[in-house]
Amino acid sequence: MKMTSEMRECSTTAALYALGALPAESHRQFEQRLKSGCPLCTAWFGEYAEVADQLAARAPATPPDASVRARLLARIEPASSSKDEMKLVRASDSPWVALGAPGVEVRPLLGRKTLLVRMQPGAVFPEHEHRQVEQCYVLEGSVTDSGGITAYAGDFVCMPANITHRPIHTDTGCVFLIAYTN
């Protein structure tokens, strides 16, 4: 699958945020997106934060010249797979990443376009913005939206782009698959 410009922008912003390289206003805006629980932003940041920590631990005593930093930032975006290649993601390939909300974790599967969300019993996923169409398939348990509509294992929900998704919660705990499309 091809990465959209919106996904590319989110990926780049998350990488720059993890490196501490965002301008102040962009830094504040991305923090708000993380606090809102945006699974795409949180998953990208979780991946890049680990890389930034590893880079910091191996940083030379003398900083590299500006051209090295510029080349590194230009290459942050991961290579995407060809449409003709199969992609196999094993259970151990991507860890669960805690979101800002207690009891809510995400596990990236295919870039930031497809991911698993796991919520512990009693967890609440806060209100967040949808910039893309979000398709959700409930794999385990059940999840209830603010209007009282409950989706159970085997149910499918599609949310339109450019909306505010009100908080959701689970009494039983749940796992659902999220896929973002244009």
N, C-alpha and C. Protein backbone atom coordinates (compact mmCIF):
# COMPACT_ATOMS: atom_id res chain seq x y z
N MET A 1 0.84 -1.17 0.00
CA MET A 1 0.00 0.00 0.00
C MET A 1 0.88 1.24 0.00
N LYS A 2 0.42 2.25 -0.69
CA LYS A 2 1.18 3.48 -0.81
C LYS A 2 0.86 4.42 0.34
N MET A 3 1.90 5.08 0.87
CA MET A 3 1.71 6.04 1.94
C MET A 3 1.13 7.33 1.36
N THR A 4 0.04 7.82 1.96
CA THR A 4 -0.57 9.06 1.50
C THR A 4 0.25 10.25 1.98
N SER A 5 -0.01 11.42 1.40
CA SER A 5 0.72 12.62 1.82
C SER A 5 0.41 12.95 3.27
N GLU A 6 -0.81 12.70 3.72
CA GLU A 6 -1.17 12.96 5.12
C GLU A 6 -0.39 12.02 6.05
N MET A 7 -0.29 10.76 5.68
CA MET A 7 0.48 9.82 6.50
C MET A 7 1.95 10.20 6.52
N ARG A 8 2.47 10.61 5.36
CA ARG A 8 3.87 11.03 5.25
C ARG A 8 4.12 12.24 6.15
N GLU A 9 3.18 13.20 6.14
CA GLU A 9 3.31 14.40 6.97
C GLU A 9 3.30 14.02 8.45
N CYS A 10 2.41 13.13 8.85
CA CYS A 10 2.33 12.69 10.24
C CYS A 10 3.60 11.97 10.64
N SER A 11 4.10 11.11 9.78
CA SER A 11 5.34 10.38 10.04
C SER A 11 6.51 11.33 10.23
N THR A 12 6.63 12.29 9.33
CA THR A 12 7.73 13.26 9.40
C THR A 12 7.63 14.11 10.66
N THR A 13 6.42 14.58 10.97
CA THR A 13 6.22 15.40 12.16
C THR A 13 6.57 14.61 13.42
N ALA A 14 6.13 13.35 13.49
CA ALA A 14 6.44 12.51 14.65
C ALA A 14 7.94 12.30 14.79
N ALA A 15 8.63 12.08 13.68
CA ALA A 15 10.08 11.88 13.72
C ALA A 15 10.78 13.14 14.20
N LEU A 16 10.39 14.29 13.67
CA LEU A 16 11.01 15.55 14.09
C LEU A 16 10.69 15.86 15.55
N TYR A 17 9.49 15.53 15.99
CA TYR A 17 9.11 15.71 17.39
C TYR A 17 10.00 14.85 18.29
N ALA A 18 10.17 13.58 17.91
CA ALA A 18 11.00 12.66 18.70
C ALA A 18 12.44 13.15 18.78
N LEU A 19 12.91 13.80 17.73
CA LEU A 19 14.28 14.31 17.70
C LEU A 19 14.41 15.70 18.34
N GLY A 20 13.27 16.29 18.73
CA GLY A 20 13.31 17.63 19.31
C GLY A 20 13.62 18.70 18.27
N ALA A 21 13.23 18.45 17.03
CA ALA A 21 13.59 19.34 15.93
C ALA A 21 12.41 20.12 15.35
N LEU A 22 11.26 20.11 16.02
CA LEU A 22 10.10 20.85 15.52
C LEU A 22 10.13 22.29 16.04
N PRO A 23 9.67 23.23 15.21
CA PRO A 23 9.48 24.60 15.71
C PRO A 23 8.47 24.58 16.86
N ALA A 24 8.51 25.59 17.72
CA ALA A 24 7.69 25.62 18.94
C ALA A 24 6.20 25.40 18.68
N GLU A 25 5.62 26.09 17.70
CA GLU A 25 4.19 25.96 17.44
C GLU A 25 3.84 24.56 16.92
N SER A 26 4.64 24.03 16.02
CA SER A 26 4.42 22.66 15.51
C SER A 26 4.57 21.65 16.63
N HIS A 27 5.53 21.88 17.53
CA HIS A 27 5.75 21.01 18.69
C HIS A 27 4.49 20.99 19.56
N ARG A 28 3.93 22.16 19.84
CA ARG A 28 2.71 22.26 20.65
C ARG A 28 1.54 21.56 19.98
N GLN A 29 1.38 21.76 18.68
CA GLN A 29 0.27 21.14 17.95
C GLN A 29 0.38 19.61 17.95
N PHE A 30 1.61 19.11 17.77
CA PHE A 30 1.77 17.65 17.75
C PHE A 30 1.52 17.08 19.15
N GLU A 31 1.95 17.78 20.20
CA GLU A 31 1.66 17.31 21.56
C GLU A 31 0.16 17.22 21.80
N GLN A 32 -0.61 18.18 21.27
CA GLN A 32 -2.06 18.14 21.40
C GLN A 32 -2.63 16.91 20.70
N ARG A 33 -2.09 16.60 19.53
CA ARG A 33 -2.57 15.41 18.80
C ARG A 33 -2.26 14.15 19.60
N LEU A 34 -1.10 14.09 20.23
CA LEU A 34 -0.75 12.93 21.06
C LEU A 34 -1.69 12.84 22.26
N LYS A 35 -1.93 13.97 22.92
CA LYS A 35 -2.80 13.98 24.10
C LYS A 35 -4.24 13.61 23.74
N SER A 36 -4.65 13.89 22.50
CA SER A 36 -6.01 13.54 22.09
C SER A 36 -6.16 12.04 21.87
N GLY A 37 -5.03 11.32 21.81
CA GLY A 37 -5.09 9.88 21.63
C GLY A 37 -5.08 9.43 20.19
N CYS A 38 -4.73 10.30 19.26
CA CYS A 38 -4.69 9.92 17.85
C CYS A 38 -3.80 8.68 17.69
N PRO A 39 -4.37 7.54 17.29
CA PRO A 39 -3.57 6.32 17.21
C PRO A 39 -2.46 6.40 16.16
N LEU A 40 -2.70 7.10 15.07
CA LEU A 40 -1.70 7.23 14.03
C LEU A 40 -0.49 8.01 14.54
N CYS A 41 -0.75 9.16 15.15
CA CYS A 41 0.34 10.00 15.69
C CYS A 41 1.10 9.26 16.79
N THR A 42 0.35 8.61 17.67
CA THR A 42 0.97 7.93 18.80
C THR A 42 1.83 6.76 18.34
N ALA A 43 1.34 6.02 17.37
CA ALA A 43 2.11 4.88 16.87
C ALA A 43 3.38 5.34 16.17
N TRP A 44 3.27 6.38 15.34
CA TRP A 44 4.48 6.91 14.68
C TRP A 44 5.47 7.39 15.73
N PHE A 45 4.98 8.19 16.70
CA PHE A 45 5.88 8.73 17.72
C PHE A 45 6.54 7.61 18.51
N GLY A 46 5.78 6.59 18.88
CA GLY A 46 6.36 5.48 19.64
C GLY A 46 7.53 4.83 18.91
N GLU A 47 7.36 4.67 17.62
CA GLU A 47 8.43 4.06 16.83
C GLU A 47 9.65 4.96 16.74
N TYR A 48 9.43 6.24 16.48
CA TYR A 48 10.54 7.17 16.32
C TYR A 48 11.20 7.53 17.65
N ALA A 49 10.45 7.55 18.75
CA ALA A 49 11.03 7.87 20.05
C ALA A 49 12.10 6.85 20.42
N GLU A 50 11.83 5.59 20.12
CA GLU A 50 12.82 4.54 20.41
C GLU A 50 14.10 4.78 19.59
N VAL A 51 13.95 5.13 18.33
CA VAL A 51 15.10 5.41 17.47
C VAL A 51 15.86 6.64 17.99
N ALA A 52 15.12 7.68 18.37
CA ALA A 52 15.76 8.91 18.89
C ALA A 52 16.54 8.60 20.16
N ASP A 53 15.98 7.77 21.04
CA ASP A 53 16.70 7.39 22.26
C ASP A 53 17.98 6.64 21.94
N GLN A 54 17.91 5.72 20.97
CA GLN A 54 19.11 4.97 20.58
C GLN A 54 20.15 5.90 19.96
N LEU A 55 19.72 6.86 19.15
CA LEU A 55 20.65 7.81 18.57
C LEU A 55 21.32 8.66 19.65
N ALA A 56 20.52 9.12 20.61
CA ALA A 56 21.07 9.95 21.68
C ALA A 56 22.10 9.19 22.50
N ALA A 57 21.85 7.90 22.73
CA ALA A 57 22.79 7.10 23.52
C ALA A 57 24.11 6.88 22.78
N ARG A 58 24.09 6.99 21.47
CA ARG A 58 25.30 6.75 20.68
C ARG A 58 25.87 8.04 20.08
N ALA A 59 25.34 9.17 20.52
CA ALA A 59 25.78 10.45 19.95
C ALA A 59 27.24 10.72 20.28
N PRO A 60 27.99 11.20 19.29
CA PRO A 60 29.39 11.53 19.55
C PRO A 60 29.49 12.75 20.46
N ALA A 61 30.63 12.91 21.14
CA ALA A 61 30.83 14.06 22.03
C ALA A 61 30.77 15.37 21.25
N THR A 62 31.25 15.37 20.01
CA THR A 62 31.20 16.54 19.16
C THR A 62 30.06 16.36 18.16
N PRO A 63 29.11 17.31 18.11
CA PRO A 63 27.99 17.13 17.18
C PRO A 63 28.45 17.15 15.73
N PRO A 64 27.78 16.39 14.85
CA PRO A 64 28.14 16.40 13.44
C PRO A 64 27.79 17.74 12.80
N ASP A 65 28.36 18.01 11.65
CA ASP A 65 28.05 19.28 10.99
C ASP A 65 26.60 19.26 10.49
N ALA A 66 26.09 20.42 10.15
CA ALA A 66 24.68 20.59 9.78
C ALA A 66 24.28 19.75 8.58
N SER A 67 25.19 19.48 7.66
CA SER A 67 24.82 18.70 6.47
C SER A 67 24.48 17.26 6.83
N VAL A 68 25.16 16.71 7.84
CA VAL A 68 24.87 15.34 8.28
C VAL A 68 23.46 15.29 8.86
N ARG A 69 23.12 16.27 9.71
CA ARG A 69 21.79 16.33 10.31
C ARG A 69 20.72 16.47 9.23
N ALA A 70 20.96 17.34 8.25
CA ALA A 70 20.00 17.55 7.16
C ALA A 70 19.78 16.26 6.37
N ARG A 71 20.84 15.52 6.08
CA ARG A 71 20.70 14.26 5.34
C ARG A 71 19.93 13.24 6.16
N LEU A 72 20.20 13.18 7.47
CA LEU A 72 19.49 12.25 8.34
C LEU A 72 18.00 12.57 8.37
N LEU A 73 17.65 13.84 8.56
CA LEU A 73 16.24 14.22 8.61
C LEU A 73 15.54 13.97 7.29
N ALA A 74 16.26 14.11 6.18
CA ALA A 74 15.67 13.86 4.86
C ALA A 74 15.39 12.38 4.63
N ARG A 75 16.09 11.50 5.38
CA ARG A 75 15.93 10.06 5.18
C ARG A 75 15.10 9.39 6.25
N ILE A 76 14.46 10.14 7.13
CA ILE A 76 13.71 9.56 8.24
C ILE A 76 12.56 8.70 7.79
N GLU A 77 11.85 9.10 6.74
CA GLU A 77 10.68 8.35 6.30
C GLU A 77 11.08 6.93 5.89
N PRO A 78 10.44 5.92 6.49
CA PRO A 78 10.80 4.54 6.13
C PRO A 78 10.39 4.21 4.69
N ALA A 79 11.16 3.32 4.10
CA ALA A 79 10.83 2.89 2.74
C ALA A 79 9.53 2.12 2.76
N SER A 80 8.69 2.35 1.78
CA SER A 80 7.43 1.62 1.71
C SER A 80 7.60 0.41 0.79
N SER A 81 6.83 -0.61 1.06
CA SER A 81 6.90 -1.82 0.26
C SER A 81 6.26 -1.61 -1.09
N SER A 82 6.73 -2.34 -2.05
CA SER A 82 6.10 -2.33 -3.36
C SER A 82 4.72 -2.96 -3.25
N LYS A 83 3.78 -2.49 -4.06
CA LYS A 83 2.44 -3.07 -4.05
C LYS A 83 2.47 -4.55 -4.41
N ASP A 84 3.51 -4.96 -5.12
CA ASP A 84 3.57 -6.34 -5.58
C ASP A 84 4.22 -7.29 -4.57
N GLU A 85 4.71 -6.75 -3.46
CA GLU A 85 5.35 -7.59 -2.46
C GLU A 85 4.38 -7.94 -1.34
N MET A 86 4.48 -9.17 -0.88
CA MET A 86 3.70 -9.57 0.27
C MET A 86 4.37 -8.99 1.52
N LYS A 87 3.58 -8.60 2.49
CA LYS A 87 4.10 -8.09 3.76
C LYS A 87 3.59 -9.00 4.85
N LEU A 88 4.49 -9.64 5.58
CA LEU A 88 4.14 -10.50 6.71
C LEU A 88 4.62 -9.82 7.97
N VAL A 89 3.72 -9.58 8.90
CA VAL A 89 4.08 -8.99 10.19
C VAL A 89 3.83 -10.04 11.25
N ARG A 90 4.89 -10.49 11.85
CA ARG A 90 4.77 -11.50 12.91
C ARG A 90 4.43 -10.83 14.24
N ALA A 91 3.88 -11.61 15.16
CA ALA A 91 3.46 -11.06 16.45
C ALA A 91 4.61 -10.35 17.16
N SER A 92 5.82 -10.79 16.97
CA SER A 92 6.97 -10.18 17.65
C SER A 92 7.60 -9.03 16.88
N ASP A 93 7.07 -8.72 15.68
CA ASP A 93 7.68 -7.68 14.84
C ASP A 93 7.43 -6.27 15.32
N SER A 94 6.31 -6.00 15.94
CA SER A 94 6.02 -4.64 16.40
C SER A 94 5.41 -4.73 17.79
N PRO A 95 5.98 -3.99 18.73
CA PRO A 95 5.48 -4.06 20.11
C PRO A 95 4.21 -3.25 20.29
N TRP A 96 3.50 -3.54 21.36
CA TRP A 96 2.37 -2.71 21.76
C TRP A 96 2.94 -1.43 22.34
N VAL A 97 2.36 -0.30 21.96
CA VAL A 97 2.81 1.02 22.41
C VAL A 97 1.68 1.65 23.22
N ALA A 98 1.99 2.05 24.46
CA ALA A 98 0.98 2.68 25.31
C ALA A 98 0.61 4.04 24.77
N LEU A 99 -0.69 4.33 24.78
CA LEU A 99 -1.17 5.67 24.41
C LEU A 99 -1.25 6.51 25.67
N GLY A 100 -1.61 7.76 25.52
CA GLY A 100 -1.74 8.64 26.67
C GLY A 100 -2.86 8.22 27.61
N ALA A 101 -3.86 7.53 27.11
CA ALA A 101 -5.00 7.11 27.93
C ALA A 101 -4.66 5.80 28.65
N PRO A 102 -4.92 5.72 29.95
CA PRO A 102 -4.63 4.49 30.70
C PRO A 102 -5.37 3.29 30.12
N GLY A 103 -4.65 2.18 29.97
CA GLY A 103 -5.27 0.94 29.50
C GLY A 103 -5.49 0.85 28.01
N VAL A 104 -4.90 1.77 27.23
CA VAL A 104 -5.07 1.76 25.78
C VAL A 104 -3.69 1.65 25.13
N GLU A 105 -3.54 0.67 24.23
CA GLU A 105 -2.28 0.45 23.53
C GLU A 105 -2.55 0.26 22.04
N VAL A 106 -1.55 0.56 21.21
CA VAL A 106 -1.64 0.29 19.78
C VAL A 106 -0.44 -0.54 19.35
N ARG A 107 -0.64 -1.28 18.28
CA ARG A 107 0.44 -2.09 17.69
C ARG A 107 0.42 -1.85 16.18
N PRO A 108 1.42 -1.12 15.66
CA PRO A 108 1.47 -0.87 14.22
C PRO A 108 1.65 -2.18 13.44
N LEU A 109 0.93 -2.29 12.34
CA LEU A 109 1.05 -3.48 11.49
C LEU A 109 1.63 -3.14 10.12
N LEU A 110 1.07 -2.13 9.47
CA LEU A 110 1.53 -1.73 8.14
C LEU A 110 1.71 -0.22 8.17
N GLY A 111 2.94 0.21 8.46
CA GLY A 111 3.17 1.63 8.63
C GLY A 111 2.21 2.16 9.67
N ARG A 112 1.60 3.27 9.40
CA ARG A 112 0.60 3.82 10.30
C ARG A 112 -0.77 3.74 9.66
N LYS A 113 -0.86 2.97 8.60
CA LYS A 113 -2.13 2.84 7.89
C LYS A 113 -2.99 1.73 8.48
N THR A 114 -2.38 0.73 9.08
CA THR A 114 -3.11 -0.40 9.66
C THR A 114 -2.50 -0.71 11.02
N LEU A 115 -3.35 -0.78 12.06
CA LEU A 115 -2.83 -1.07 13.39
C LEU A 115 -3.89 -1.75 14.23
N LEU A 116 -3.42 -2.38 15.29
CA LEU A 116 -4.31 -2.98 16.27
C LEU A 116 -4.42 -2.03 17.45
N VAL A 117 -5.59 -1.97 18.06
CA VAL A 117 -5.80 -1.21 19.28
C VAL A 117 -6.29 -2.19 20.33
N ARG A 118 -5.67 -2.12 21.51
CA ARG A 118 -6.07 -2.99 22.62
C ARG A 118 -6.46 -2.09 23.79
N MET A 119 -7.66 -2.35 24.34
CA MET A 119 -8.15 -1.58 25.48
C MET A 119 -8.46 -2.55 26.62
N GLN A 120 -7.97 -2.24 27.80
CA GLN A 120 -8.24 -3.04 28.99
C GLN A 120 -9.66 -2.75 29.48
N PRO A 121 -10.27 -3.67 30.24
CA PRO A 121 -11.61 -3.42 30.77
C PRO A 121 -11.65 -2.08 31.54
N GLY A 122 -12.66 -1.28 31.24
CA GLY A 122 -12.82 0.01 31.90
C GLY A 122 -12.07 1.16 31.23
N ALA A 123 -11.26 0.87 30.23
CA ALA A 123 -10.47 1.92 29.56
C ALA A 123 -11.37 2.82 28.72
N VAL A 124 -10.93 4.07 28.58
CA VAL A 124 -11.62 5.06 27.76
C VAL A 124 -10.63 5.62 26.75
N PHE A 125 -11.01 5.60 25.48
CA PHE A 125 -10.21 6.21 24.42
C PHE A 125 -10.78 7.60 24.23
N PRO A 126 -9.98 8.66 24.47
CA PRO A 126 -10.52 10.02 24.45
C PRO A 126 -10.95 10.50 23.07
N GLU A 127 -11.66 11.61 23.07
CA GLU A 127 -12.08 12.26 21.83
C GLU A 127 -10.84 12.54 20.98
N HIS A 128 -10.98 12.35 19.66
CA HIS A 128 -9.86 12.60 18.75
C HIS A 128 -10.39 12.93 17.36
N GLU A 129 -9.51 13.50 16.55
CA GLU A 129 -9.88 13.90 15.20
C GLU A 129 -9.60 12.77 14.22
N HIS A 130 -10.48 12.64 13.24
CA HIS A 130 -10.27 11.71 12.12
C HIS A 130 -9.98 12.55 10.90
N ARG A 131 -8.76 12.45 10.37
CA ARG A 131 -8.43 13.17 9.15
C ARG A 131 -8.62 12.27 7.93
N GLN A 132 -8.68 10.97 8.15
CA GLN A 132 -8.90 10.01 7.07
C GLN A 132 -10.09 9.14 7.44
N VAL A 133 -10.59 8.41 6.46
CA VAL A 133 -11.62 7.42 6.73
C VAL A 133 -11.00 6.35 7.63
N GLU A 134 -11.72 5.96 8.67
CA GLU A 134 -11.22 4.93 9.58
C GLU A 134 -12.15 3.73 9.53
N GLN A 135 -11.59 2.58 9.18
CA GLN A 135 -12.34 1.33 9.18
C GLN A 135 -11.91 0.54 10.40
N CYS A 136 -12.87 0.04 11.16
CA CYS A 136 -12.60 -0.66 12.41
C CYS A 136 -13.31 -2.00 12.42
N TYR A 137 -12.57 -3.05 12.71
CA TYR A 137 -13.15 -4.39 12.83
C TYR A 137 -12.83 -4.89 14.24
N VAL A 138 -13.86 -5.18 15.03
CA VAL A 138 -13.67 -5.62 16.41
C VAL A 138 -13.33 -7.12 16.40
N LEU A 139 -12.17 -7.45 16.97
CA LEU A 139 -11.69 -8.82 17.00
C LEU A 139 -12.06 -9.54 18.29
N GLU A 140 -12.00 -8.82 19.42
CA GLU A 140 -12.31 -9.42 20.73
C GLU A 140 -13.06 -8.41 21.58
N GLY A 141 -13.94 -8.89 22.44
CA GLY A 141 -14.64 -8.04 23.39
C GLY A 141 -15.66 -7.13 22.74
N SER A 142 -15.86 -5.97 23.37
CA SER A 142 -16.81 -5.00 22.84
C SER A 142 -16.35 -3.60 23.20
N VAL A 143 -16.79 -2.64 22.39
CA VAL A 143 -16.46 -1.23 22.59
C VAL A 143 -17.72 -0.41 22.35
N THR A 144 -17.92 0.62 23.20
CA THR A 144 -19.15 1.41 23.15
C THR A 144 -18.81 2.87 22.92
N ASP A 145 -19.56 3.52 22.01
CA ASP A 145 -19.31 4.94 21.76
C ASP A 145 -20.12 5.80 22.72
N SER A 146 -19.92 7.11 22.65
CA SER A 146 -20.59 8.05 23.56
C SER A 146 -22.11 8.06 23.39
N GLY A 147 -22.60 7.63 22.23
CA GLY A 147 -24.03 7.56 21.99
C GLY A 147 -24.67 6.28 22.50
N GLY A 148 -23.86 5.38 23.08
CA GLY A 148 -24.38 4.13 23.63
C GLY A 148 -24.42 2.98 22.65
N ILE A 149 -23.88 3.17 21.44
CA ILE A 149 -23.85 2.09 20.45
C ILE A 149 -22.64 1.20 20.73
N THR A 150 -22.88 -0.10 20.86
CA THR A 150 -21.81 -1.05 21.17
C THR A 150 -21.51 -1.90 19.95
N ALA A 151 -20.21 -2.03 19.66
CA ALA A 151 -19.74 -2.93 18.60
C ALA A 151 -19.10 -4.13 19.29
N TYR A 152 -19.49 -5.33 18.87
CA TYR A 152 -19.02 -6.57 19.46
C TYR A 152 -18.05 -7.27 18.52
N ALA A 153 -17.35 -8.28 19.02
CA ALA A 153 -16.44 -9.07 18.18
C ALA A 153 -17.17 -9.50 16.92
N GLY A 154 -16.55 -9.24 15.77
CA GLY A 154 -17.15 -9.56 14.48
C GLY A 154 -17.85 -8.39 13.83
N ASP A 155 -18.07 -7.29 14.58
CA ASP A 155 -18.73 -6.11 14.01
C ASP A 155 -17.70 -5.22 13.31
N PHE A 156 -18.18 -4.49 12.30
CA PHE A 156 -17.36 -3.57 11.52
C PHE A 156 -17.96 -2.18 11.61
N VAL A 157 -17.11 -1.17 11.80
CA VAL A 157 -17.55 0.22 11.87
C VAL A 157 -16.68 1.04 10.93
N CYS A 158 -17.28 1.93 10.17
CA CYS A 158 -16.53 2.82 9.28
C CYS A 158 -16.86 4.26 9.67
N MET A 159 -15.83 5.04 10.01
CA MET A 159 -15.99 6.45 10.39
C MET A 159 -15.50 7.32 9.24
N PRO A 160 -16.26 8.35 8.87
CA PRO A 160 -15.83 9.23 7.78
C PRO A 160 -14.62 10.08 8.16
N ALA A 161 -13.97 10.64 7.17
CA ALA A 161 -12.83 11.53 7.39
C ALA A 161 -13.32 12.90 7.88
N ASN A 162 -12.39 13.62 8.49
CA ASN A 162 -12.61 15.00 8.91
C ASN A 162 -13.75 15.17 9.90
N ILE A 163 -13.78 14.29 10.90
CA ILE A 163 -14.78 14.41 11.97
C ILE A 163 -14.08 14.32 13.31
N THR A 164 -14.78 14.72 14.35
CA THR A 164 -14.31 14.51 15.72
C THR A 164 -14.98 13.25 16.23
N HIS A 165 -14.17 12.30 16.63
CA HIS A 165 -14.68 11.03 17.16
C HIS A 165 -14.81 11.19 18.66
N ARG A 166 -16.01 11.12 19.16
CA ARG A 166 -16.27 11.26 20.59
C ARG A 166 -15.61 10.09 21.34
N PRO A 167 -15.44 10.20 22.65
CA PRO A 167 -14.79 9.13 23.41
C PRO A 167 -15.50 7.78 23.26
N ILE A 168 -14.72 6.72 23.32
CA ILE A 168 -15.26 5.36 23.34
C ILE A 168 -14.74 4.68 24.61
N HIS A 169 -15.44 3.64 25.05
CA HIS A 169 -15.00 2.92 26.24
C HIS A 169 -15.35 1.44 26.10
N THR A 170 -14.74 0.66 26.97
CA THR A 170 -15.03 -0.77 26.98
C THR A 170 -15.19 -1.26 28.41
N ASP A 171 -16.22 -2.04 28.65
CA ASP A 171 -16.41 -2.66 29.96
C ASP A 171 -15.70 -4.00 30.00
N THR A 172 -15.63 -4.68 28.86
CA THR A 172 -15.11 -6.04 28.79
C THR A 172 -13.63 -6.12 28.42
N GLY A 173 -13.10 -5.01 27.90
CA GLY A 173 -11.79 -5.06 27.25
C GLY A 173 -12.04 -5.41 25.79
N CYS A 174 -11.13 -5.02 24.91
CA CYS A 174 -11.35 -5.31 23.49
C CYS A 174 -10.04 -5.18 22.71
N VAL A 175 -10.05 -5.77 21.54
CA VAL A 175 -8.99 -5.61 20.55
C VAL A 175 -9.69 -5.36 19.23
N PHE A 176 -9.27 -4.30 18.53
CA PHE A 176 -9.84 -4.05 17.22
C PHE A 176 -8.76 -3.64 16.23
N LEU A 177 -9.04 -3.93 14.98
CA LEU A 177 -8.15 -3.61 13.88
C LEU A 177 -8.61 -2.31 13.26
N ILE A 178 -7.67 -1.38 13.06
CA ILE A 178 -7.97 -0.08 12.42
C ILE A 178 -7.23 -0.02 11.10
N ALA A 179 -7.91 0.40 10.05
CA ALA A 179 -7.28 0.66 8.75
C ALA A 179 -7.73 2.04 8.29
N TYR A 180 -6.74 2.87 7.93
CA TYR A 180 -7.03 4.21 7.44
C TYR A 180 -6.99 4.22 5.91
N THR A 181 -7.98 4.88 5.32
CA THR A 181 -8.03 5.00 3.86
C THR A 181 -8.37 6.44 3.52
N ASN A 182 -8.21 6.78 2.27
CA ASN A 182 -8.54 8.15 1.84
C ASN A 182 -10.00 8.28 1.55
